Amino acid sequence: MSVKIKSAFILVAFSFFSFLSFANEETQEKAQIQKINEQYVNEFNKSKVILDKRAQEILSSSREGLGEFKNMIFSWTDFIENKCAFATVESKGTEAETALFLSCKVEEYNKMNIYWIQL
């Protein structure tokens, strides 16, 4: 084989193995992001269960202010959705978008839980 053919073969082989390495890293990164997203979903579900339980306790303990309380719940959860959507605007279309959005929601629902425990 001539030197040019050997060089071309080495270049093609190197490019192929670089592509495989990049593809493997990308697959690993996607798996890590998926795992992070799953963890945030689990944390959010736990926060939501606590929130729902506390809301039911408050709703069943008093008849006064129920309309206002329900409006507060609706407004607060709507605020959280909008706040977290705004907080992740710079990550739109990236792999991290969902994780950042869920992280924000978990943090905000936990804040709401802390507030409601104090009621």
PDB file of N, CA and C in Angstrom:
ATOM      1  N   MET A   1       0.825  -1.174   0.000  1.00  0.00           N
ATOM      2  CA  MET A   1       0.000   0.000   0.000  1.00  0.00           C
ATOM      3  C   MET A   1       0.873   1.242   0.000  1.00  0.00           C
ATOM      4  N   SER A   2       0.406   2.227  -0.720  1.00  0.00           N
ATOM      5  CA  SER A   2       1.178   3.459  -0.773  1.00  0.00           C
ATOM      6  C   SER A   2       0.950   4.256   0.502  1.00  0.00           C
ATOM      7  N   VAL A   3       1.792   5.217   0.718  1.00  0.00           N
ATOM      8  CA  VAL A   3       1.732   6.050   1.904  1.00  0.00           C
ATOM      9  C   VAL A   3       0.428   6.857   1.910  1.00  0.00           C
ATOM     10  N   LYS A   4       0.009   7.323   0.735  1.00  0.00           N
ATOM     11  CA  LYS A   4      -1.228   8.108   0.651  1.00  0.00           C
ATOM     12  C   LYS A   4      -2.437   7.265   1.041  1.00  0.00           C
ATOM     13  N   ILE A   5      -2.485   6.030   0.594  1.00  0.00           N
ATOM     14  CA  ILE A   5      -3.605   5.151   0.918  1.00  0.00           C
ATOM     15  C   ILE A   5      -3.594   4.819   2.398  1.00  0.00           C
ATOM     16  N   LYS A   6      -2.406   4.534   2.935  1.00  0.00           N
ATOM     17  CA  LYS A   6      -2.305   4.251   4.364  1.00  0.00           C
ATOM     18  C   LYS A   6      -2.751   5.462   5.186  1.00  0.00           C
ATOM     19  N   SER A   7      -2.321   6.642   4.770  1.00  0.00           N
ATOM     20  CA  SER A   7      -2.700   7.867   5.483  1.00  0.00           C
ATOM     21  C   SER A   7      -4.206   8.086   5.415  1.00  0.00           C
ATOM     22  N   ALA A   8      -4.776   7.857   4.247  1.00  0.00           N
ATOM     23  CA  ALA A   8      -6.216   8.025   4.079  1.00  0.00           C
ATOM     24  C   ALA A   8      -6.964   7.004   4.937  1.00  0.00           C
ATOM     25  N   PHE A   9      -6.491   5.777   4.966  1.00  0.00           N
ATOM     26  CA  PHE A   9      -7.116   4.734   5.774  1.00  0.00           C
ATOM     27  C   PHE A   9      -7.056   5.092   7.255  1.00  0.00           C
ATOM     28  N   ILE A  10      -5.915   5.570   7.710  1.00  0.00           N
ATOM     29  CA  ILE A  10      -5.746   5.959   9.111  1.00  0.00           C
ATOM     30  C   ILE A  10      -6.673   7.124   9.449  1.00  0.00           C
ATOM     31  N   LEU A  11      -6.769   8.084   8.530  1.00  0.00           N
ATOM     32  CA  LEU A  11      -7.647   9.229   8.748  1.00  0.00           C
ATOM     33  C   LEU A  11      -9.109   8.800   8.837  1.00  0.00           C
ATOM     34  N   VAL A  12      -9.544   7.919   7.950  1.00  0.00           N
ATOM     35  CA  VAL A  12     -10.917   7.420   7.965  1.00  0.00           C
ATOM     36  C   VAL A  12     -11.171   6.622   9.248  1.00  0.00           C
ATOM     37  N   ALA A  13     -10.232   5.771   9.623  1.00  0.00           N
ATOM     38  CA  ALA A  13     -10.385   4.969  10.845  1.00  0.00           C
ATOM     39  C   ALA A  13     -10.465   5.870  12.075  1.00  0.00           C
ATOM     40  N   PHE A  14      -9.608   6.863  12.137  1.00  0.00           N
ATOM     41  CA  PHE A  14      -9.615   7.802  13.260  1.00  0.00           C
ATOM     42  C   PHE A  14     -10.946   8.545  13.326  1.00  0.00           C
ATOM     43  N   SER A  15     -11.424   8.999  12.188  1.00  0.00           N
ATOM     44  CA  SER A  15     -12.698   9.717  12.133  1.00  0.00           C
ATOM     45  C   SER A  15     -13.843   8.822  12.594  1.00  0.00           C
ATOM     46  N   PHE A  16     -13.833   7.570  12.167  1.00  0.00           N
ATOM     47  CA  PHE A  16     -14.883   6.630  12.539  1.00  0.00           C
ATOM     48  C   PHE A  16     -14.877   6.386  14.043  1.00  0.00           C
ATOM     49  N   PHE A  17     -13.699   6.154  14.616  1.00  0.00           N
ATOM     50  CA  PHE A  17     -13.616   5.904  16.050  1.00  0.00           C
ATOM     51  C   PHE A  17     -13.943   7.165  16.859  1.00  0.00           C
ATOM     52  N   SER A  18     -13.596   8.341  16.337  1.00  0.00           N
ATOM     53  CA  SER A  18     -13.970   9.596  17.008  1.00  0.00           C
ATOM     54  C   SER A  18     -15.475   9.753  17.018  1.00  0.00           C
ATOM     55  N   PHE A  19     -16.122   9.413  15.906  1.00  0.00           N
ATOM     56  CA  PHE A  19     -17.575   9.489  15.818  1.00  0.00           C
ATOM     57  C   PHE A  19     -18.213   8.533  16.813  1.00  0.00           C
ATOM     58  N   LEU A  20     -17.699   7.299  16.886  1.00  0.00           N
ATOM     59  CA  LEU A  20     -18.238   6.329  17.830  1.00  0.00           C
ATOM     60  C   LEU A  20     -18.075   6.809  19.267  1.00  0.00           C
ATOM     61  N   SER A  21     -16.941   7.397  19.571  1.00  0.00           N
ATOM     62  CA  SER A  21     -16.693   7.904  20.914  1.00  0.00           C
ATOM     63  C   SER A  21     -17.663   9.029  21.239  1.00  0.00           C
ATOM     64  N   PHE A  22     -17.859   9.946  20.289  1.00  0.00           N
ATOM     65  CA  PHE A  22     -18.797  11.052  20.491  1.00  0.00           C
ATOM     66  C   PHE A  22     -20.215  10.523  20.682  1.00  0.00           C
ATOM     67  N   ALA A  23     -20.623   9.568  19.870  1.00  0.00           N
ATOM     68  CA  ALA A  23     -21.969   9.005  19.970  1.00  0.00           C
ATOM     69  C   ALA A  23     -22.175   8.329  21.325  1.00  0.00           C
ATOM     70  N   ASN A  24     -21.147   7.633  21.808  1.00  0.00           N
ATOM     71  CA  ASN A  24     -21.231   6.971  23.107  1.00  0.00           C
ATOM     72  C   ASN A  24     -21.365   7.998  24.230  1.00  0.00           C
ATOM     73  N   GLU A  25     -20.582   9.076  24.161  1.00  0.00           N
ATOM     74  CA  GLU A  25     -20.661  10.114  25.177  1.00  0.00           C
ATOM     75  C   GLU A  25     -22.041  10.767  25.164  1.00  0.00           C
ATOM     76  N   GLU A  26     -22.575  11.007  23.974  1.00  0.00           N
ATOM     77  CA  GLU A  26     -23.897  11.614  23.857  1.00  0.00           C
ATOM     78  C   GLU A  26     -24.964  10.700  24.450  1.00  0.00           C
ATOM     79  N   THR A  27     -24.857   9.406  24.211  1.00  0.00           N
ATOM     80  CA  THR A  27     -25.807   8.445  24.770  1.00  0.00           C
ATOM     81  C   THR A  27     -25.717   8.422  26.293  1.00  0.00           C
ATOM     82  N   GLN A  28     -24.508   8.458  26.816  1.00  0.00           N
ATOM     83  CA  GLN A  28     -24.326   8.476  28.269  1.00  0.00           C
ATOM     84  C   GLN A  28     -24.895   9.754  28.874  1.00  0.00           C
ATOM     85  N   GLU A  29     -24.680  10.874  28.191  1.00  0.00           N
ATOM     86  CA  GLU A  29     -25.200  12.148  28.681  1.00  0.00           C
ATOM     87  C   GLU A  29     -26.730  12.135  28.702  1.00  0.00           C
ATOM     88  N   LYS A  30     -27.340  11.618  27.654  1.00  0.00           N
ATOM     89  CA  LYS A  30     -28.802  11.534  27.609  1.00  0.00           C
ATOM     90  C   LYS A  30     -29.333  10.634  28.722  1.00  0.00           C
ATOM     91  N   ALA A  31     -28.633   9.545  28.996  1.00  0.00           N
ATOM     92  CA  ALA A  31     -29.051   8.638  30.073  1.00  0.00           C
ATOM     93  C   ALA A  31     -28.951   9.334  31.428  1.00  0.00           C
ATOM     94  N   GLN A  32     -27.890  10.123  31.625  1.00  0.00           N
ATOM     95  CA  GLN A  32     -27.731  10.853  32.882  1.00  0.00           C
ATOM     96  C   GLN A  32     -28.828  11.897  33.051  1.00  0.00           C
ATOM     97  N   ILE A  33     -29.133  12.605  31.974  1.00  0.00           N
ATOM     98  CA  ILE A  33     -30.181  13.620  32.034  1.00  0.00           C
ATOM     99  C   ILE A  33     -31.525  12.962  32.310  1.00  0.00           C
ATOM    100  N   GLN A  34     -31.780  11.821  31.689  1.00  0.00           N
ATOM    101  CA  GLN A  34     -33.030  11.097  31.929  1.00  0.00           C
ATOM    102  C   GLN A  34     -33.137  10.686  33.398  1.00  0.00           C
ATOM    103  N   LYS A  35     -32.029  10.242  33.968  1.00  0.00           N
ATOM    104  CA  LYS A  35     -32.022   9.837  35.376  1.00  0.00           C
ATOM    105  C   LYS A  35     -32.280  11.046  36.282  1.00  0.00           C
ATOM    106  N   ILE A  36     -31.671  12.175  35.962  1.00  0.00           N
ATOM    107  CA  ILE A  36     -31.889  13.394  36.735  1.00  0.00           C
ATOM    108  C   ILE A  36     -33.353  13.816  36.646  1.00  0.00           C
ATOM    109  N   ASN A  37     -33.906  13.767  35.440  1.00  0.00           N
ATOM    110  CA  ASN A  37     -35.312  14.126  35.257  1.00  0.00           C
ATOM    111  C   ASN A  37     -36.224  13.223  36.076  1.00  0.00           C
ATOM    112  N   GLU A  38     -35.934  11.932  36.084  1.00  0.00           N
ATOM    113  CA  GLU A  38     -36.736  10.988  36.862  1.00  0.00           C
ATOM    114  C   GLU A  38     -36.666  11.305  38.357  1.00  0.00           C
ATOM    115  N   GLN A  39     -35.476  11.684  38.828  1.00  0.00           N
ATOM    116  CA  GLN A  39     -35.328  12.037  40.239  1.00  0.00           C
ATOM    117  C   GLN A  39     -36.161  13.270  40.575  1.00  0.00           C
ATOM    118  N   TYR A  40     -36.134  14.264  39.685  1.00  0.00           N
ATOM    119  CA  TYR A  40     -36.929  15.473  39.928  1.00  0.00           C
ATOM    120  C   TYR A  40     -38.423  15.180  39.870  1.00  0.00           C
ATOM    121  N   VAL A  41     -38.835  14.306  38.967  1.00  0.00           N
ATOM    122  CA  VAL A  41     -40.246  13.923  38.905  1.00  0.00           C
ATOM    123  C   VAL A  41     -40.653  13.264  40.218  1.00  0.00           C
ATOM    124  N   ASN A  42     -39.817  12.380  40.739  1.00  0.00           N
ATOM    125  CA  ASN A  42     -40.116  11.729  42.021  1.00  0.00           C
ATOM    126  C   ASN A  42     -40.184  12.738  43.161  1.00  0.00           C
ATOM    127  N   GLU A  43     -39.226  13.669  43.197  1.00  0.00           N
ATOM    128  CA  GLU A  43     -39.238  14.702  44.234  1.00  0.00           C
ATOM    129  C   GLU A  43     -40.479  15.577  44.113  1.00  0.00           C
ATOM    130  N   PHE A  44     -40.826  15.938  42.871  1.00  0.00           N
ATOM    131  CA  PHE A  44     -42.018  16.764  42.661  1.00  0.00           C
ATOM    132  C   PHE A  44     -43.269  16.024  43.123  1.00  0.00           C
ATOM    133  N   ASN A  45     -43.367  14.743  42.776  1.00  0.00           N
ATOM    134  CA  ASN A  45     -44.540  13.959  43.196  1.00  0.00           C
ATOM    135  C   ASN A  45     -44.660  13.910  44.713  1.00  0.00           C
ATOM    136  N   LYS A  46     -43.532  13.765  45.407  1.00  0.00           N
ATOM    137  CA  LYS A  46     -43.558  13.765  46.873  1.00  0.00           C
ATOM    138  C   LYS A  46     -44.046  15.110  47.405  1.00  0.00           C
ATOM    139  N   SER A  47     -43.526  16.193  46.828  1.00  0.00           N
ATOM    140  CA  SER A  47     -43.943  17.534  47.248  1.00  0.00           C
ATOM    141  C   SER A  47     -45.424  17.743  46.985  1.00  0.00           C
ATOM    142  N   LYS A  48     -45.882  17.269  45.849  1.00  0.00           N
ATOM    143  CA  LYS A  48     -47.295  17.424  45.466  1.00  0.00           C
ATOM    144  C   LYS A  48     -48.201  16.638  46.421  1.00  0.00           C
ATOM    145  N   VAL A  49     -47.787  15.444  46.817  1.00  0.00           N
ATOM    146  CA  VAL A  49     -48.581  14.646  47.763  1.00  0.00           C
ATOM    147  C   VAL A  49     -48.687  15.372  49.102  1.00  0.00           C
ATOM    148  N   ILE A  50     -47.585  15.906  49.591  1.00  0.00           N
ATOM    149  CA  ILE A  50     -47.598  16.652  50.853  1.00  0.00           C
ATOM    150  C   ILE A  50     -48.515  17.866  50.731  1.00  0.00           C
ATOM    151  N   LEU A  51     -48.392  18.562  49.629  1.00  0.00           N
ATOM    152  CA  LEU A  51     -49.210  19.741  49.388  1.00  0.00           C
ATOM    153  C   LEU A  51     -50.697  19.392  49.339  1.00  0.00           C
ATOM    154  N   ASP A  52     -51.033  18.367  48.606  1.00  0.00           N
ATOM    155  CA  ASP A  52     -52.438  17.951  48.497  1.00  0.00           C
ATOM    156  C   ASP A  52     -53.006  17.524  49.851  1.00  0.00           C
ATOM    157  N   LYS A  53     -52.198  16.799  50.610  1.00  0.00           N
ATOM    158  CA  LYS A  53     -52.639  16.346  51.934  1.00  0.00           C
ATOM    159  C   LYS A  53     -52.891  17.540  52.849  1.00  0.00           C
ATOM    160  N   ARG A  54     -51.966  18.494  52.849  1.00  0.00           N
ATOM    161  CA  ARG A  54     -52.110  19.680  53.708  1.00  0.00           C
ATOM    162  C   ARG A  54     -53.305  20.519  53.258  1.00  0.00           C
ATOM    163  N   ALA A  55     -53.511  20.638  51.957  1.00  0.00           N
ATOM    164  CA  ALA A  55     -54.654  21.395  51.451  1.00  0.00           C
ATOM    165  C   ALA A  55     -55.958  20.758  51.906  1.00  0.00           C
ATOM    166  N   GLN A  56     -56.031  19.441  51.855  1.00  0.00           N
ATOM    167  CA  GLN A  56     -57.238  18.742  52.309  1.00  0.00           C
ATOM    168  C   GLN A  56     -57.464  18.950  53.798  1.00  0.00           C
ATOM    169  N   GLU A  57     -56.384  18.944  54.574  1.00  0.00           N
ATOM    170  CA  GLU A  57     -56.506  19.195  56.015  1.00  0.00           C
ATOM    171  C   GLU A  57     -57.070  20.584  56.267  1.00  0.00           C
ATOM    172  N   ILE A  58     -56.543  21.555  55.544  1.00  0.00           N
ATOM    173  CA  ILE A  58     -56.996  22.929  55.731  1.00  0.00           C
ATOM    174  C   ILE A  58     -58.454  23.077  55.278  1.00  0.00           C
ATOM    175  N   LEU A  59     -58.777  22.484  54.138  1.00  0.00           N
ATOM    176  CA  LEU A  59     -60.135  22.586  53.609  1.00  0.00           C
ATOM    177  C   LEU A  59     -61.161  21.911  54.528  1.00  0.00           C
ATOM    178  N   SER A  60     -60.774  20.819  55.150  1.00  0.00           N
ATOM    179  CA  SER A  60     -61.724  20.094  56.005  1.00  0.00           C
ATOM    180  C   SER A  60     -61.812  20.689  57.406  1.00  0.00           C
ATOM    181  N   SER A  61     -60.850  21.506  57.796  1.00  0.00           N
ATOM    182  CA  SER A  61     -60.846  22.027  59.162  1.00  0.00           C
ATOM    183  C   SER A  61     -61.643  23.314  59.321  1.00  0.00           C
ATOM    184  N   SER A  62     -61.933  23.978  58.230  1.00  0.00           N
ATOM    185  CA  SER A  62     -62.620  25.259  58.343  1.00  0.00           C
ATOM    186  C   SER A  62     -63.545  25.474  57.165  1.00  0.00           C
ATOM    187  N   ARG A  63     -64.650  26.140  57.412  1.00  0.00           N
ATOM    188  CA  ARG A  63     -65.575  26.486  56.340  1.00  0.00           C
ATOM    189  C   ARG A  63     -65.415  27.946  55.928  1.00  0.00           C
ATOM    190  N   GLU A  64     -64.745  28.713  56.755  1.00  0.00           N
ATOM    191  CA  GLU A  64     -64.536  30.121  56.450  1.00  0.00           C
ATOM    192  C   GLU A  64     -63.338  30.284  55.518  1.00  0.00           C
ATOM    193  N   GLY A  65     -63.498  31.102  54.532  1.00  0.00           N
ATOM    194  CA  GLY A  65     -62.390  31.415  53.636  1.00  0.00           C
ATOM    195  C   GLY A  65     -62.042  30.326  52.643  1.00  0.00           C
ATOM    196  N   LEU A  66     -62.923  29.352  52.426  1.00  0.00           N
ATOM    197  CA  LEU A  66     -62.603  28.255  51.505  1.00  0.00           C
ATOM    198  C   LEU A  66     -62.423  28.753  50.070  1.00  0.00           C
ATOM    199  N   GLY A  67     -63.277  29.682  49.658  1.00  0.00           N
ATOM    200  CA  GLY A  67     -63.146  30.232  48.312  1.00  0.00           C
ATOM    201  C   GLY A  67     -61.821  30.944  48.129  1.00  0.00           C
ATOM    202  N   GLU A  68     -61.455  31.735  49.119  1.00  0.00           N
ATOM    203  CA  GLU A  68     -60.178  32.450  49.063  1.00  0.00           C
ATOM    204  C   GLU A  68     -59.001  31.476  49.082  1.00  0.00           C
ATOM    205  N   PHE A  69     -59.136  30.446  49.890  1.00  0.00           N
ATOM    206  CA  PHE A  69     -58.066  29.449  49.969  1.00  0.00           C
ATOM    207  C   PHE A  69     -57.897  28.734  48.630  1.00  0.00           C
ATOM    208  N   LYS A  70     -59.014  28.343  48.007  1.00  0.00           N
ATOM    209  CA  LYS A  70     -58.941  27.674  46.704  1.00  0.00           C
ATOM    210  C   LYS A  70     -58.356  28.603  45.647  1.00  0.00           C
ATOM    211  N   ASN A  71     -58.726  29.888  45.702  1.00  0.00           N
ATOM    212  CA  ASN A  71     -58.149  30.855  44.761  1.00  0.00           C
ATOM    213  C   ASN A  71     -56.646  31.007  44.981  1.00  0.00           C
ATOM    214  N   MET A  72     -56.241  30.974  46.247  1.00  0.00           N
ATOM    215  CA  MET A  72     -54.819  31.082  46.543  1.00  0.00           C
ATOM    216  C   MET A  72     -54.064  29.886  45.970  1.00  0.00           C
ATOM    217  N   ILE A  73     -54.613  28.696  46.134  1.00  0.00           N
ATOM    218  CA  ILE A  73     -53.969  27.496  45.599  1.00  0.00           C
ATOM    219  C   ILE A  73     -53.819  27.622  44.081  1.00  0.00           C
ATOM    220  N   PHE A  74     -54.904  27.986  43.417  1.00  0.00           N
ATOM    221  CA  PHE A  74     -54.869  28.128  41.966  1.00  0.00           C
ATOM    222  C   PHE A  74     -53.847  29.182  41.544  1.00  0.00           C
ATOM    223  N   SER A  75     -53.884  30.340  42.189  1.00  0.00           N
ATOM    224  CA  SER A  75     -52.964  31.429  41.831  1.00  0.00           C
ATOM    225  C   SER A  75     -51.516  31.042  42.073  1.00  0.00           C
ATOM    226  N   TRP A  76     -51.266  30.383  43.191  1.00  0.00           N
ATOM    227  CA  TRP A  76     -49.899  30.026  43.545  1.00  0.00           C
ATOM    228  C   TRP A  76     -49.339  28.986  42.571  1.00  0.00           C
ATOM    229  N   THR A  77     -50.125  27.973  42.264  1.00  0.00           N
ATOM    230  CA  THR A  77     -49.628  26.951  41.329  1.00  0.00           C
ATOM    231  C   THR A  77     -49.463  27.533  39.924  1.00  0.00           C
ATOM    232  N   ASP A  78     -50.343  28.446  39.537  1.00  0.00           N
ATOM    233  CA  ASP A  78     -50.204  29.120  38.245  1.00  0.00           C
ATOM    234  C   ASP A  78     -48.933  29.967  38.230  1.00  0.00           C
ATOM    235  N   PHE A  79     -48.673  30.660  39.339  1.00  0.00           N
ATOM    236  CA  PHE A  79     -47.452  31.454  39.476  1.00  0.00           C
ATOM    237  C   PHE A  79     -46.211  30.572  39.329  1.00  0.00           C
ATOM    238  N   ILE A  80     -46.243  29.410  39.972  1.00  0.00           N
ATOM    239  CA  ILE A  80     -45.097  28.495  39.901  1.00  0.00           C
ATOM    240  C   ILE A  80     -44.839  28.067  38.458  1.00  0.00           C
ATOM    241  N   GLU A  81     -45.890  27.684  37.754  1.00  0.00           N
ATOM    242  CA  GLU A  81     -45.734  27.272  36.352  1.00  0.00           C
ATOM    243  C   GLU A  81     -45.091  28.386  35.529  1.00  0.00           C
ATOM    244  N   ASN A  82     -45.601  29.613  35.700  1.00  0.00           N
ATOM    245  CA  ASN A  82     -45.071  30.742  34.934  1.00  0.00           C
ATOM    246  C   ASN A  82     -43.653  31.107  35.345  1.00  0.00           C
ATOM    247  N   LYS A  83     -43.391  31.079  36.645  1.00  0.00           N
ATOM    248  CA  LYS A  83     -42.050  31.408  37.137  1.00  0.00           C
ATOM    249  C   LYS A  83     -41.019  30.413  36.601  1.00  0.00           C
ATOM    250  N   CYS A  84     -41.360  29.137  36.662  1.00  0.00           N
ATOM    251  CA  CYS A  84     -40.418  28.108  36.221  1.00  0.00           C
ATOM    252  C   CYS A  84     -40.241  28.121  34.697  1.00  0.00           C
ATOM    253  N   ALA A  85     -41.305  28.447  33.983  1.00  0.00           N
ATOM    254  CA  ALA A  85     -41.178  28.578  32.527  1.00  0.00           C
ATOM    255  C   ALA A  85     -40.241  29.729  32.193  1.00  0.00           C
ATOM    256  N   PHE A  86     -40.381  30.836  32.908  1.00  0.00           N
ATOM    257  CA  PHE A  86     -39.505  31.977  32.685  1.00  0.00           C
ATOM    258  C   PHE A  86     -38.065  31.659  33.103  1.00  0.00           C
ATOM    259  N   ALA A  87     -37.909  30.959  34.206  1.00  0.00           N
ATOM    260  CA  ALA A  87     -36.571  30.639  34.718  1.00  0.00           C
ATOM    261  C   ALA A  87     -35.787  29.737  33.768  1.00  0.00           C
ATOM    262  N   THR A  88     -36.490  29.002  32.925  1.00  0.00           N
ATOM    263  CA  THR A  88     -35.806  28.072  32.018  1.00  0.00           C
ATOM    264  C   THR A  88     -35.801  28.554  30.577  1.00  0.00           C
ATOM    265  N   VAL A  89     -36.153  29.818  30.351  1.00  0.00           N
ATOM    266  CA  VAL A  89     -36.253  30.323  28.982  1.00  0.00           C
ATOM    267  C   VAL A  89     -34.913  30.241  28.241  1.00  0.00           C
ATOM    268  N   GLU A  90     -33.806  30.420  28.949  1.00  0.00           N
ATOM    269  CA  GLU A  90     -32.492  30.370  28.307  1.00  0.00           C
ATOM    270  C   GLU A  90     -32.078  28.948  27.933  1.00  0.00           C
ATOM    271  N   SER A  91     -32.729  27.960  28.508  1.00  0.00           N
ATOM    272  CA  SER A  91     -32.369  26.574  28.208  1.00  0.00           C
ATOM    273  C   SER A  91     -33.354  25.921  27.249  1.00  0.00           C
ATOM    274  N   LYS A  92     -34.255  26.710  26.652  1.00  0.00           N
ATOM    275  CA  LYS A  92     -35.255  26.157  25.721  1.00  0.00           C
ATOM    276  C   LYS A  92     -34.560  25.354  24.630  1.00  0.00           C
ATOM    277  N   GLY A  93     -35.087  24.156  24.410  1.00  0.00           N
ATOM    278  CA  GLY A  93     -34.575  23.308  23.346  1.00  0.00           C
ATOM    279  C   GLY A  93     -33.318  22.529  23.699  1.00  0.00           C
ATOM    280  N   THR A  94     -32.850  22.649  24.926  1.00  0.00           N
ATOM    281  CA  THR A  94     -31.661  21.903  25.329  1.00  0.00           C
ATOM    282  C   THR A  94     -32.074  20.674  26.129  1.00  0.00           C
ATOM    283  N   GLU A  95     -31.132  19.803  26.320  1.00  0.00           N
ATOM    284  CA  GLU A  95     -31.389  18.596  27.103  1.00  0.00           C
ATOM    285  C   GLU A  95     -31.675  18.934  28.569  1.00  0.00           C
ATOM    286  N   ALA A  96     -31.129  20.044  29.028  1.00  0.00           N
ATOM    287  CA  ALA A  96     -31.265  20.410  30.441  1.00  0.00           C
ATOM    288  C   ALA A  96     -32.575  21.123  30.750  1.00  0.00           C
ATOM    289  N   GLU A  97     -33.346  21.479  29.744  1.00  0.00           N
ATOM    290  CA  GLU A  97     -34.567  22.257  29.959  1.00  0.00           C
ATOM    291  C   GLU A  97     -35.520  21.593  30.949  1.00  0.00           C
ATOM    292  N   THR A  98     -35.807  20.329  30.753  1.00  0.00           N
ATOM    293  CA  THR A  98     -36.758  19.633  31.620  1.00  0.00           C
ATOM    294  C   THR A  98     -36.233  19.547  33.049  1.00  0.00           C
ATOM    295  N   ALA A  99     -34.960  19.231  33.205  1.00  0.00           N
ATOM    296  CA  ALA A  99     -34.386  19.122  34.553  1.00  0.00           C
ATOM    297  C   ALA A  99     -34.447  20.464  35.275  1.00  0.00           C
ATOM    298  N   LEU A 100     -34.147  21.546  34.586  1.00  0.00           N
ATOM    299  CA  LEU A 100     -34.203  22.862  35.216  1.00  0.00           C
ATOM    300  C   LEU A 100     -35.636  23.242  35.583  1.00  0.00           C
ATOM    301  N   PHE A 101     -36.573  22.934  34.702  1.00  0.00           N
ATOM    302  CA  PHE A 101     -37.979  23.233  34.967  1.00  0.00           C
ATOM    303  C   PHE A 101     -38.477  22.443  36.180  1.00  0.00           C
ATOM    304  N   LEU A 102     -38.173  21.157  36.212  1.00  0.00           N
ATOM    305  CA  LEU A 102     -38.607  20.320  37.331  1.00  0.00           C
ATOM    306  C   LEU A 102     -37.942  20.732  38.631  1.00  0.00           C
ATOM    307  N   SER A 103     -36.672  21.077  38.563  1.00  0.00           N
ATOM    308  CA  SER A 103     -35.955  21.534  39.747  1.00  0.00           C
ATOM    309  C   SER A 103     -36.613  22.781  40.324  1.00  0.00           C
ATOM    310  N   CYS A 104     -36.979  23.700  39.451  1.00  0.00           N
ATOM    311  CA  CYS A 104     -37.664  24.917  39.873  1.00  0.00           C
ATOM    312  C   CYS A 104     -38.995  24.575  40.532  1.00  0.00           C
ATOM    313  N   LYS A 105     -39.768  23.688  39.919  1.00  0.00           N
ATOM    314  CA  LYS A 105     -41.075  23.336  40.472  1.00  0.00           C
ATOM    315  C   LYS A 105     -40.941  22.669  41.833  1.00  0.00           C
ATOM    316  N   VAL A 106     -39.976  21.786  41.984  1.00  0.00           N
ATOM    317  CA  VAL A 106     -39.757  21.127  43.277  1.00  0.00           C
ATOM    318  C   VAL A 106     -39.442  22.173  44.339  1.00  0.00           C
ATOM    319  N   GLU A 107     -38.535  23.081  44.018  1.00  0.00           N
ATOM    320  CA  GLU A 107     -38.154  24.127  44.968  1.00  0.00           C
ATOM    321  C   GLU A 107     -39.354  24.991  45.357  1.00  0.00           C
ATOM    322  N   GLU A 108     -40.151  25.379  44.385  1.00  0.00           N
ATOM    323  CA  GLU A 108     -41.298  26.245  44.659  1.00  0.00           C
ATOM    324  C   GLU A 108     -42.413  25.509  45.414  1.00  0.00           C
ATOM    325  N   TYR A 109     -42.654  24.266  45.077  1.00  0.00           N
ATOM    326  CA  TYR A 109     -43.666  23.502  45.811  1.00  0.00           C
ATOM    327  C   TYR A 109     -43.221  23.264  47.246  1.00  0.00           C
ATOM    328  N   ASN A 110     -41.932  23.052  47.452  1.00  0.00           N
ATOM    329  CA  ASN A 110     -41.431  22.886  48.816  1.00  0.00           C
ATOM    330  C   ASN A 110     -41.613  24.176  49.614  1.00  0.00           C
ATOM    331  N   LYS A 111     -41.406  25.325  48.968  1.00  0.00           N
ATOM    332  CA  LYS A 111     -41.647  26.605  49.642  1.00  0.00           C
ATOM    333  C   LYS A 111     -43.114  26.747  50.012  1.00  0.00           C
ATOM    334  N   MET A 112     -43.984  26.345  49.107  1.00  0.00           N
ATOM    335  CA  MET A 112     -45.418  26.420  49.384  1.00  0.00           C
ATOM    336  C   MET A 112     -45.777  25.483  50.532  1.00  0.00           C
ATOM    337  N   ASN A 113     -45.186  24.302  50.564  1.00  0.00           N
ATOM    338  CA  ASN A 113     -45.438  23.365  51.668  1.00  0.00           C
ATOM    339  C   ASN A 113     -45.015  23.953  53.003  1.00  0.00           C
ATOM    340  N   ILE A 114     -43.875  24.603  53.020  1.00  0.00           N
ATOM    341  CA  ILE A 114     -43.392  25.228  54.261  1.00  0.00           C
ATOM    342  C   ILE A 114     -44.365  26.314  54.710  1.00  0.00           C
ATOM    343  N   TYR A 115     -44.838  27.100  53.784  1.00  0.00           N
ATOM    344  CA  TYR A 115     -45.810  28.147  54.128  1.00  0.00           C
ATOM    345  C   TYR A 115     -47.078  27.535  54.699  1.00  0.00           C
ATOM    346  N   TRP A 116     -47.577  26.488  54.075  1.00  0.00           N
ATOM    347  CA  TRP A 116     -48.838  25.885  54.506  1.00  0.00           C
ATOM    348  C   TRP A 116     -48.714  25.170  55.837  1.00  0.00           C
ATOM    349  N   ILE A 117     -47.552  24.653  56.145  1.00  0.00           N
ATOM    350  CA  ILE A 117     -47.358  24.000  57.450  1.00  0.00           C
ATOM    351  C   ILE A 117     -47.511  25.024  58.557  1.00  0.00           C
ATOM    352  N   GLN A 118     -47.137  26.259  58.256  1.00  0.00           N
ATOM    353  CA  GLN A 118     -47.212  27.323  59.250  1.00  0.00           C
ATOM    354  C   GLN A 118     -48.627  27.849  59.454  1.00  0.00           C
ATOM    355  N   LEU A 119     -49.556  27.516  58.568  1.00  0.00           N
ATOM    356  CA  LEU A 119     -50.940  27.998  58.711  1.00  0.00           C
ATOM    357  C   LEU A 119     -51.614  27.380  59.923  1.00  0.00           C
TER     358      LEU A 119
END
